[in-house]
């Protein structure tokens, strides 16, 4: 007799698995939003408190104090506007905001972000130094998104040097041999091991007890949207340097 073959089909309802994946995606997205909002709100609150303390001082304000207040208010306003734009665009719950390119003076961009985070630097007694070229460098990028990247990197640097003797953060920018603008953030924290360096930009990978593992991954995506790159070089026990090329 000829051999008869039959095919058996097993049907399995995967609705539950799909719902689990959808829930996980929503949770990841909420973590991204929370991370980015808190990274902006926390320094705004600190800088606002600092400005309030200045205004509470008895007697007329000195010229230096007035200038510090103007700088603080300008930094708060700029980051608040950037945060509004960031959250408004993210309300679509789809993707990173499309960059709105504009000419940006790199020195002004770095000065604005360091002013915003100055309360954190003071709190942790961190020395911040800047190495700027004698000539101005202008890049075409989205100001709010690039601020977000720099805030993420500086927050990581602050975390890295906390507890280190003589904590230092150095910022520099220059044109490389290919004419590409390089922005570097260096810290003298404990450094990053080669094993961790391989995974540091992986979404949700973190070595922090309460970290989300989102900041560096999101920062690299933003830089990539600008046709640039974000990389890290570290010598454990010595220095860590993050470089944005754009």
C-alpha atoms as a PDB file:
ATOM      1  CA  UNK A   1       0.000   0.000   0.000  1.00  0.00           C
ATOM      2  CA  UNK A   2       1.245   3.485  -0.768  1.00  0.00           C
ATOM      3  CA  UNK A   3       2.412   5.465   2.200  1.00  0.00           C
ATOM      4  CA  UNK A   4      -0.010   8.146   3.234  1.00  0.00           C
ATOM      5  CA  UNK A   5       1.314  11.327   4.806  1.00  0.00           C
ATOM      6  CA  UNK A   6      -0.716  13.739   6.792  1.00  0.00           C
ATOM      7  CA  UNK A   7       0.156  17.120   8.214  1.00  0.00           C
ATOM      8  CA  UNK A   8      -0.847  18.117  11.680  1.00  0.00           C
ATOM      9  CA  UNK A   9      -1.221  21.766  12.547  1.00  0.00           C
ATOM     10  CA  UNK A  10      -1.135  22.974  16.110  1.00  0.00           C
ATOM     11  CA  UNK A  11      -2.735  26.325  16.790  1.00  0.00           C
ATOM     12  CA  UNK A  12      -1.571  28.344  19.721  1.00  0.00           C
ATOM     13  CA  UNK A  13      -3.116  31.571  20.904  1.00  0.00           C
ATOM     14  CA  UNK A  14      -0.265  34.084  21.194  1.00  0.00           C
ATOM     15  CA  UNK A  15      -2.455  37.006  22.239  1.00  0.00           C
ATOM     16  CA  UNK A  16      -1.083  36.842  25.766  1.00  0.00           C
ATOM     17  CA  UNK A  17       2.533  36.986  24.516  1.00  0.00           C
ATOM     18  CA  UNK A  18       1.720  39.926  22.237  1.00  0.00           C
ATOM     19  CA  UNK A  19       0.115  41.787  25.112  1.00  0.00           C
ATOM     20  CA  UNK A  20       3.171  41.118  27.283  1.00  0.00           C
ATOM     21  CA  UNK A  21       5.461  42.511  24.576  1.00  0.00           C
ATOM     22  CA  UNK A  22       3.249  45.562  24.140  1.00  0.00           C
ATOM     23  CA  UNK A  23       3.282  46.194  27.893  1.00  0.00           C
ATOM     24  CA  UNK A  24       7.063  45.844  27.990  1.00  0.00           C
ATOM     25  CA  UNK A  25       7.396  48.358  25.126  1.00  0.00           C
ATOM     26  CA  UNK A  26       5.162  50.840  26.931  1.00  0.00           C
ATOM     27  CA  UNK A  27       7.171  50.443  30.128  1.00  0.00           C
ATOM     28  CA  UNK A  28      10.433  51.058  28.265  1.00  0.00           C
ATOM     29  CA  UNK A  29       8.993  54.165  26.625  1.00  0.00           C
ATOM     30  CA  UNK A  30       7.768  55.520  29.963  1.00  0.00           C
ATOM     31  CA  UNK A  31      11.247  54.962  31.396  1.00  0.00           C
ATOM     32  CA  UNK A  32      12.741  56.970  28.524  1.00  0.00           C
ATOM     33  CA  UNK A  33      10.333  59.855  29.082  1.00  0.00           C
ATOM     34  CA  UNK A  34      10.878  59.846  32.846  1.00  0.00           C
ATOM     35  CA  UNK A  35      14.657  59.754  32.440  1.00  0.00           C
ATOM     36  CA  UNK A  36      14.806  62.676  30.014  1.00  0.00           C
ATOM     37  CA  UNK A  37      12.297  64.838  31.884  1.00  0.00           C
ATOM     38  CA  UNK A  38      14.034  64.344  35.238  1.00  0.00           C
ATOM     39  CA  UNK A  39      17.426  65.114  33.715  1.00  0.00           C
ATOM     40  CA  UNK A  40      16.092  68.548  32.777  1.00  0.00           C
ATOM     41  CA  UNK A  41      13.767  69.263  35.697  1.00  0.00           C
ATOM     42  CA  UNK A  42      16.289  68.486  38.457  1.00  0.00           C
ATOM     43  CA  UNK A  43      18.888  71.099  37.393  1.00  0.00           C
ATOM     44  CA  UNK A  44      16.124  73.631  36.698  1.00  0.00           C
ATOM     45  CA  UNK A  45      14.872  73.213  40.279  1.00  0.00           C
ATOM     46  CA  UNK A  46      18.412  73.500  41.691  1.00  0.00           C
ATOM     47  CA  UNK A  47      19.243  76.576  39.636  1.00  0.00           C
ATOM     48  CA  UNK A  48      15.924  78.182  40.584  1.00  0.00           C
ATOM     49  CA  UNK A  49      16.671  77.595  44.268  1.00  0.00           C
ATOM     50  CA  UNK A  50      20.112  79.147  43.833  1.00  0.00           C
ATOM     51  CA  UNK A  51      18.574  82.216  42.183  1.00  0.00           C
ATOM     52  CA  UNK A  52      16.047  82.461  45.015  1.00  0.00           C
ATOM     53  CA  UNK A  53      18.836  82.415  47.597  1.00  0.00           C
ATOM     54  CA  UNK A  54      20.559  85.267  45.766  1.00  0.00           C
ATOM     55  CA  UNK A  55      17.381  87.353  45.810  1.00  0.00           C
ATOM     56  CA  UNK A  56      16.865  86.622  49.514  1.00  0.00           C
ATOM     57  CA  UNK A  57      20.176  88.227  50.459  1.00  0.00           C
ATOM     58  CA  UNK A  58      19.734  91.453  52.478  1.00  0.00           C
ATOM     59  CA  UNK A  59      20.643  94.752  50.925  1.00  0.00           C
ATOM     60  CA  UNK A  60      20.959  95.768  47.282  1.00  0.00           C
ATOM     61  CA  UNK A  61      22.270  93.212  44.829  1.00  0.00           C
ATOM     62  CA  UNK A  62      25.789  93.676  43.495  1.00  0.00           C
ATOM     63  CA  UNK A  63      26.532  93.893  39.777  1.00  0.00           C
ATOM     64  CA  UNK A  64      28.130  90.434  39.883  1.00  0.00           C
ATOM     65  CA  UNK A  65      25.080  88.918  41.586  1.00  0.00           C
ATOM     66  CA  UNK A  66      22.746  90.504  39.039  1.00  0.00           C
ATOM     67  CA  UNK A  67      24.821  89.071  36.214  1.00  0.00           C
ATOM     68  CA  UNK A  68      24.727  85.613  37.828  1.00  0.00           C
ATOM     69  CA  UNK A  69      20.946  85.900  38.115  1.00  0.00           C
ATOM     70  CA  UNK A  70      20.603  86.894  34.451  1.00  0.00           C
ATOM     71  CA  UNK A  71      22.762  83.951  33.399  1.00  0.00           C
ATOM     72  CA  UNK A  72      20.809  81.543  35.604  1.00  0.00           C
ATOM     73  CA  UNK A  73      17.420  82.764  34.352  1.00  0.00           C
ATOM     74  CA  UNK A  74      18.571  82.546  30.729  1.00  0.00           C
ATOM     75  CA  UNK A  75      19.733  78.947  31.274  1.00  0.00           C
ATOM     76  CA  UNK A  76      16.445  78.014  32.960  1.00  0.00           C
ATOM     77  CA  UNK A  77      14.417  79.580  30.154  1.00  0.00           C
ATOM     78  CA  UNK A  78      16.409  77.880  27.394  1.00  0.00           C
ATOM     79  CA  UNK A  79      16.236  74.420  28.963  1.00  0.00           C
ATOM     80  CA  UNK A  80      12.542  74.831  29.813  1.00  0.00           C
ATOM     81  CA  UNK A  81      11.820  75.674  26.175  1.00  0.00           C
ATOM     82  CA  UNK A  82      13.872  72.668  25.090  1.00  0.00           C
ATOM     83  CA  UNK A  83      12.010  70.408  27.529  1.00  0.00           C
ATOM     84  CA  UNK A  84       8.645  71.635  26.261  1.00  0.00           C
ATOM     85  CA  UNK A  85       9.691  70.918  22.691  1.00  0.00           C
ATOM     86  CA  UNK A  86      11.064  67.509  23.652  1.00  0.00           C
ATOM     87  CA  UNK A  87       7.941  66.371  25.537  1.00  0.00           C
ATOM     88  CA  UNK A  88       5.556  67.835  22.956  1.00  0.00           C
ATOM     89  CA  UNK A  89       7.240  65.892  20.179  1.00  0.00           C
ATOM     90  CA  UNK A  90       7.421  62.731  22.280  1.00  0.00           C
ATOM     91  CA  UNK A  91       3.705  62.913  22.902  1.00  0.00           C
ATOM     92  CA  UNK A  92       3.301  61.081  19.628  1.00  0.00           C
ATOM     93  CA  UNK A  93       4.949  58.094  21.394  1.00  0.00           C
ATOM     94  CA  UNK A  94       6.653  57.044  18.204  1.00  0.00           C
ATOM     95  CA  UNK A  95      10.248  58.130  17.780  1.00  0.00           C
ATOM     96  CA  UNK A  96      12.982  60.547  18.718  1.00  0.00           C
ATOM     97  CA  UNK A  97      12.074  64.071  17.592  1.00  0.00           C
ATOM     98  CA  UNK A  98      13.236  64.919  14.086  1.00  0.00           C
ATOM     99  CA  UNK A  99      16.098  67.431  14.420  1.00  0.00           C
ATOM    100  CA  UNK A 100      15.319  71.033  13.573  1.00  0.00           C
ATOM    101  CA  UNK A 101      18.672  72.180  12.275  1.00  0.00           C
ATOM    102  CA  UNK A 102      20.015  75.639  13.017  1.00  0.00           C
ATOM    103  CA  UNK A 103      23.492  77.169  13.297  1.00  0.00           C
ATOM    104  CA  UNK A 104      24.865  76.801  16.848  1.00  0.00           C
ATOM    105  CA  UNK A 105      28.015  78.301  18.308  1.00  0.00           C
ATOM    106  CA  UNK A 106      29.584  75.370  20.163  1.00  0.00           C
ATOM    107  CA  UNK A 107      31.061  77.597  22.891  1.00  0.00           C
ATOM    108  CA  UNK A 108      27.647  79.090  23.658  1.00  0.00           C
ATOM    109  CA  UNK A 109      26.053  75.633  23.701  1.00  0.00           C
ATOM    110  CA  UNK A 110      28.585  74.281  26.211  1.00  0.00           C
ATOM    111  CA  UNK A 111      28.436  77.419  28.368  1.00  0.00           C
ATOM    112  CA  UNK A 112      24.646  77.223  28.521  1.00  0.00           C
ATOM    113  CA  UNK A 113      24.626  73.579  29.621  1.00  0.00           C
ATOM    114  CA  UNK A 114      27.397  74.006  32.214  1.00  0.00           C
ATOM    115  CA  UNK A 115      25.544  76.990  33.683  1.00  0.00           C
ATOM    116  CA  UNK A 116      22.428  74.837  33.962  1.00  0.00           C
ATOM    117  CA  UNK A 117      24.329  72.144  35.868  1.00  0.00           C
ATOM    118  CA  UNK A 118      26.464  74.505  37.946  1.00  0.00           C
ATOM    119  CA  UNK A 119      24.550  73.753  41.200  1.00  0.00           C
ATOM    120  CA  UNK A 120      25.406  70.067  40.800  1.00  0.00           C
ATOM    121  CA  UNK A 121      29.075  70.889  40.170  1.00  0.00           C
ATOM    122  CA  UNK A 122      29.167  73.044  43.301  1.00  0.00           C
ATOM    123  CA  UNK A 123      27.381  70.446  45.407  1.00  0.00           C
ATOM    124  CA  UNK A 124      29.971  67.782  44.554  1.00  0.00           C
ATOM    125  CA  UNK A 125      32.913  70.228  44.605  1.00  0.00           C
ATOM    126  CA  UNK A 126      33.747  69.429  40.985  1.00  0.00           C
ATOM    127  CA  UNK A 127      36.254  71.564  39.125  1.00  0.00           C
ATOM    128  CA  UNK A 128      35.032  72.219  35.571  1.00  0.00           C
ATOM    129  CA  UNK A 129      37.588  73.456  33.055  1.00  0.00           C
ATOM    130  CA  UNK A 130      37.093  74.453  29.430  1.00  0.00           C
ATOM    131  CA  UNK A 131      39.511  74.304  26.524  1.00  0.00           C
ATOM    132  CA  UNK A 132      38.082  76.336  23.668  1.00  0.00           C
ATOM    133  CA  UNK A 133      39.886  77.227  20.448  1.00  0.00           C
ATOM    134  CA  UNK A 134      40.716  80.877  19.783  1.00  0.00           C
ATOM    135  CA  UNK A 135      38.399  80.877  16.771  1.00  0.00           C
ATOM    136  CA  UNK A 136      34.614  80.310  16.864  1.00  0.00           C
ATOM    137  CA  UNK A 137      33.166  77.012  15.630  1.00  0.00           C
ATOM    138  CA  UNK A 138      29.575  76.761  14.457  1.00  0.00           C
ATOM    139  CA  UNK A 139      27.705  73.505  13.825  1.00  0.00           C
ATOM    140  CA  UNK A 140      24.313  72.885  12.246  1.00  0.00           C
ATOM    141  CA  UNK A 141      22.202  70.893  14.692  1.00  0.00           C
ATOM    142  CA  UNK A 142      19.039  70.902  16.765  1.00  0.00           C
ATOM    143  CA  UNK A 143      19.844  73.068  19.828  1.00  0.00           C
ATOM    144  CA  UNK A 144      17.394  71.343  22.197  1.00  0.00           C
ATOM    145  CA  UNK A 145      18.411  67.822  21.212  1.00  0.00           C
ATOM    146  CA  UNK A 146      22.124  68.579  21.443  1.00  0.00           C
ATOM    147  CA  UNK A 147      21.554  70.118  24.876  1.00  0.00           C
ATOM    148  CA  UNK A 148      19.842  66.875  25.890  1.00  0.00           C
ATOM    149  CA  UNK A 149      22.883  64.858  24.769  1.00  0.00           C
ATOM    150  CA  UNK A 150      25.315  67.089  26.659  1.00  0.00           C
ATOM    151  CA  UNK A 151      23.152  67.024  29.788  1.00  0.00           C
ATOM    152  CA  UNK A 152      23.143  63.221  29.705  1.00  0.00           C
ATOM    153  CA  UNK A 153      26.913  63.080  29.304  1.00  0.00           C
ATOM    154  CA  UNK A 154      27.550  65.635  32.042  1.00  0.00           C
ATOM    155  CA  UNK A 155      25.193  63.850  34.434  1.00  0.00           C
ATOM    156  CA  UNK A 156      27.188  60.674  33.848  1.00  0.00           C
ATOM    157  CA  UNK A 157      30.444  62.548  34.419  1.00  0.00           C
ATOM    158  CA  UNK A 158      29.157  63.983  37.711  1.00  0.00           C
ATOM    159  CA  UNK A 159      28.130  60.490  38.810  1.00  0.00           C
ATOM    160  CA  UNK A 160      31.535  59.115  37.808  1.00  0.00           C
ATOM    161  CA  UNK A 161      33.621  61.640  39.759  1.00  0.00           C
ATOM    162  CA  UNK A 162      31.452  61.739  42.870  1.00  0.00           C
ATOM    163  CA  UNK A 163      33.609  60.458  45.714  1.00  0.00           C
ATOM    164  CA  UNK A 164      36.852  60.915  43.781  1.00  0.00           C
ATOM    165  CA  UNK A 165      39.633  62.992  45.310  1.00  0.00           C
ATOM    166  CA  UNK A 166      39.843  66.300  43.423  1.00  0.00           C
ATOM    167  CA  UNK A 167      36.957  65.552  40.997  1.00  0.00           C
ATOM    168  CA  UNK A 168      37.417  67.187  37.611  1.00  0.00           C
ATOM    169  CA  UNK A 169      35.452  67.506  34.394  1.00  0.00           C
ATOM    170  CA  UNK A 170      37.040  69.010  31.293  1.00  0.00           C
ATOM    171  CA  UNK A 171      35.222  70.204  28.173  1.00  0.00           C
ATOM    172  CA  UNK A 172      36.888  70.908  24.864  1.00  0.00           C
ATOM    173  CA  UNK A 173      36.037  71.200  21.191  1.00  0.00           C
ATOM    174  CA  UNK A 174      38.059  71.531  18.012  1.00  0.00           C
ATOM    175  CA  UNK A 175      38.170  70.739  14.307  1.00  0.00           C
ATOM    176  CA  UNK A 176      39.913  67.461  13.480  1.00  0.00           C
ATOM    177  CA  UNK A 177      42.098  66.824  10.432  1.00  0.00           C
ATOM    178  CA  UNK A 178      39.021  65.981   8.357  1.00  0.00           C
ATOM    179  CA  UNK A 179      37.309  69.239   9.255  1.00  0.00           C
ATOM    180  CA  UNK A 180      34.791  67.528  11.529  1.00  0.00           C
ATOM    181  CA  UNK A 181      33.879  69.241  14.790  1.00  0.00           C
ATOM    182  CA  UNK A 182      34.776  67.156  17.848  1.00  0.00           C
ATOM    183  CA  UNK A 183      33.235  67.920  21.248  1.00  0.00           C
ATOM    184  CA  UNK A 184      34.852  66.088  24.153  1.00  0.00           C
ATOM    185  CA  UNK A 185      33.827  65.623  27.769  1.00  0.00           C
ATOM    186  CA  UNK A 186      36.533  64.190  30.004  1.00  0.00           C
ATOM    187  CA  UNK A 187      36.330  63.134  33.656  1.00  0.00           C
ATOM    188  CA  UNK A 188      38.832  61.718  36.115  1.00  0.00           C
ATOM    189  CA  UNK A 189      36.474  59.138  37.577  1.00  0.00           C
ATOM    190  CA  UNK A 190      37.258  55.429  38.040  1.00  0.00           C
ATOM    191  CA  UNK A 191      36.984  54.768  34.312  1.00  0.00           C
ATOM    192  CA  UNK A 192      35.131  52.128  32.319  1.00  0.00           C
ATOM    193  CA  UNK A 193      36.396  48.590  31.776  1.00  0.00           C
ATOM    194  CA  UNK A 194      36.740  47.285  28.185  1.00  0.00           C
ATOM    195  CA  UNK A 195      33.895  44.836  28.802  1.00  0.00           C
ATOM    196  CA  UNK A 196      31.521  47.587  29.853  1.00  0.00           C
ATOM    197  CA  UNK A 197      32.671  49.862  27.018  1.00  0.00           C
ATOM    198  CA  UNK A 198      31.440  47.245  24.539  1.00  0.00           C
ATOM    199  CA  UNK A 199      27.927  47.411  25.982  1.00  0.00           C
ATOM    200  CA  UNK A 200      27.669  50.963  27.264  1.00  0.00           C
ATOM    201  CA  UNK A 201      25.522  52.202  24.350  1.00  0.00           C
ATOM    202  CA  UNK A 202      23.228  49.166  24.431  1.00  0.00           C
ATOM    203  CA  UNK A 203      19.661  50.200  25.356  1.00  0.00           C
ATOM    204  CA  UNK A 204      18.815  49.514  29.009  1.00  0.00           C
ATOM    205  CA  UNK A 205      22.348  48.398  29.900  1.00  0.00           C
ATOM    206  CA  UNK A 206      23.535  50.129  33.057  1.00  0.00           C
ATOM    207  CA  UNK A 207      26.049  49.713  35.854  1.00  0.00           C
ATOM    208  CA  UNK A 208      24.190  52.119  38.161  1.00  0.00           C
ATOM    209  CA  UNK A 209      22.030  50.725  40.939  1.00  0.00           C
ATOM    210  CA  UNK A 210      19.140  53.014  40.001  1.00  0.00           C
ATOM    211  CA  UNK A 211      20.094  53.663  36.372  1.00  0.00           C
ATOM    212  CA  UNK A 212      17.727  53.101  33.455  1.00  0.00           C
ATOM    213  CA  UNK A 213      20.361  52.346  30.818  1.00  0.00           C
ATOM    214  CA  UNK A 214      18.678  54.779  28.454  1.00  0.00           C
ATOM    215  CA  UNK A 215      20.688  57.999  28.454  1.00  0.00           C
ATOM    216  CA  UNK A 216      23.719  56.936  26.417  1.00  0.00           C
ATOM    217  CA  UNK A 217      21.691  54.893  23.944  1.00  0.00           C
ATOM    218  CA  UNK A 218      19.317  57.796  23.365  1.00  0.00           C
ATOM    219  CA  UNK A 219      22.227  60.241  23.106  1.00  0.00           C
ATOM    220  CA  UNK A 220      23.911  58.135  20.435  1.00  0.00           C
ATOM    221  CA  UNK A 221      20.647  57.917  18.479  1.00  0.00           C
ATOM    222  CA  UNK A 222      20.266  61.698  18.603  1.00  0.00           C
ATOM    223  CA  UNK A 223      23.842  62.223  17.400  1.00  0.00           C
ATOM    224  CA  UNK A 224      23.286  59.675  14.605  1.00  0.00           C
ATOM    225  CA  UNK A 225      20.232  61.665  13.500  1.00  0.00           C
ATOM    226  CA  UNK A 226      22.680  64.533  13.032  1.00  0.00           C
ATOM    227  CA  UNK A 227      24.872  62.282  10.828  1.00  0.00           C
ATOM    228  CA  UNK A 228      27.460  62.273  13.599  1.00  0.00           C
ATOM    229  CA  UNK A 229      28.955  59.774  16.026  1.00  0.00           C
ATOM    230  CA  UNK A 230      29.280  59.361  19.785  1.00  0.00           C
ATOM    231  CA  UNK A 231      32.134  57.258  21.144  1.00  0.00           C
ATOM    232  CA  UNK A 232      33.991  56.631  24.388  1.00  0.00           C
ATOM    233  CA  UNK A 233      37.615  55.973  25.323  1.00  0.00           C
ATOM    234  CA  UNK A 234      38.504  55.125  28.893  1.00  0.00           C
ATOM    235  CA  UNK A 235      41.520  54.132  30.947  1.00  0.00           C
ATOM    236  CA  UNK A 236      40.308  52.508  34.169  1.00  0.00           C
ATOM    237  CA  UNK A 237      41.631  54.397  37.154  1.00  0.00           C
ATOM    238  CA  UNK A 238      42.569  57.432  35.061  1.00  0.00           C
ATOM    239  CA  UNK A 239      40.176  59.146  32.645  1.00  0.00           C
ATOM    240  CA  UNK A 240      37.092  58.682  30.516  1.00  0.00           C
ATOM    241  CA  UNK A 241      36.496  60.736  27.377  1.00  0.00           C
ATOM    242  CA  UNK A 242      33.226  60.874  25.454  1.00  0.00           C
ATOM    243  CA  UNK A 243      33.585  62.359  21.980  1.00  0.00           C
ATOM    244  CA  UNK A 244      30.806  63.745  19.787  1.00  0.00           C
ATOM    245  CA  UNK A 245      31.814  64.147  16.139  1.00  0.00           C
ATOM    246  CA  UNK A 246      29.403  66.159  14.090  1.00  0.00           C
END
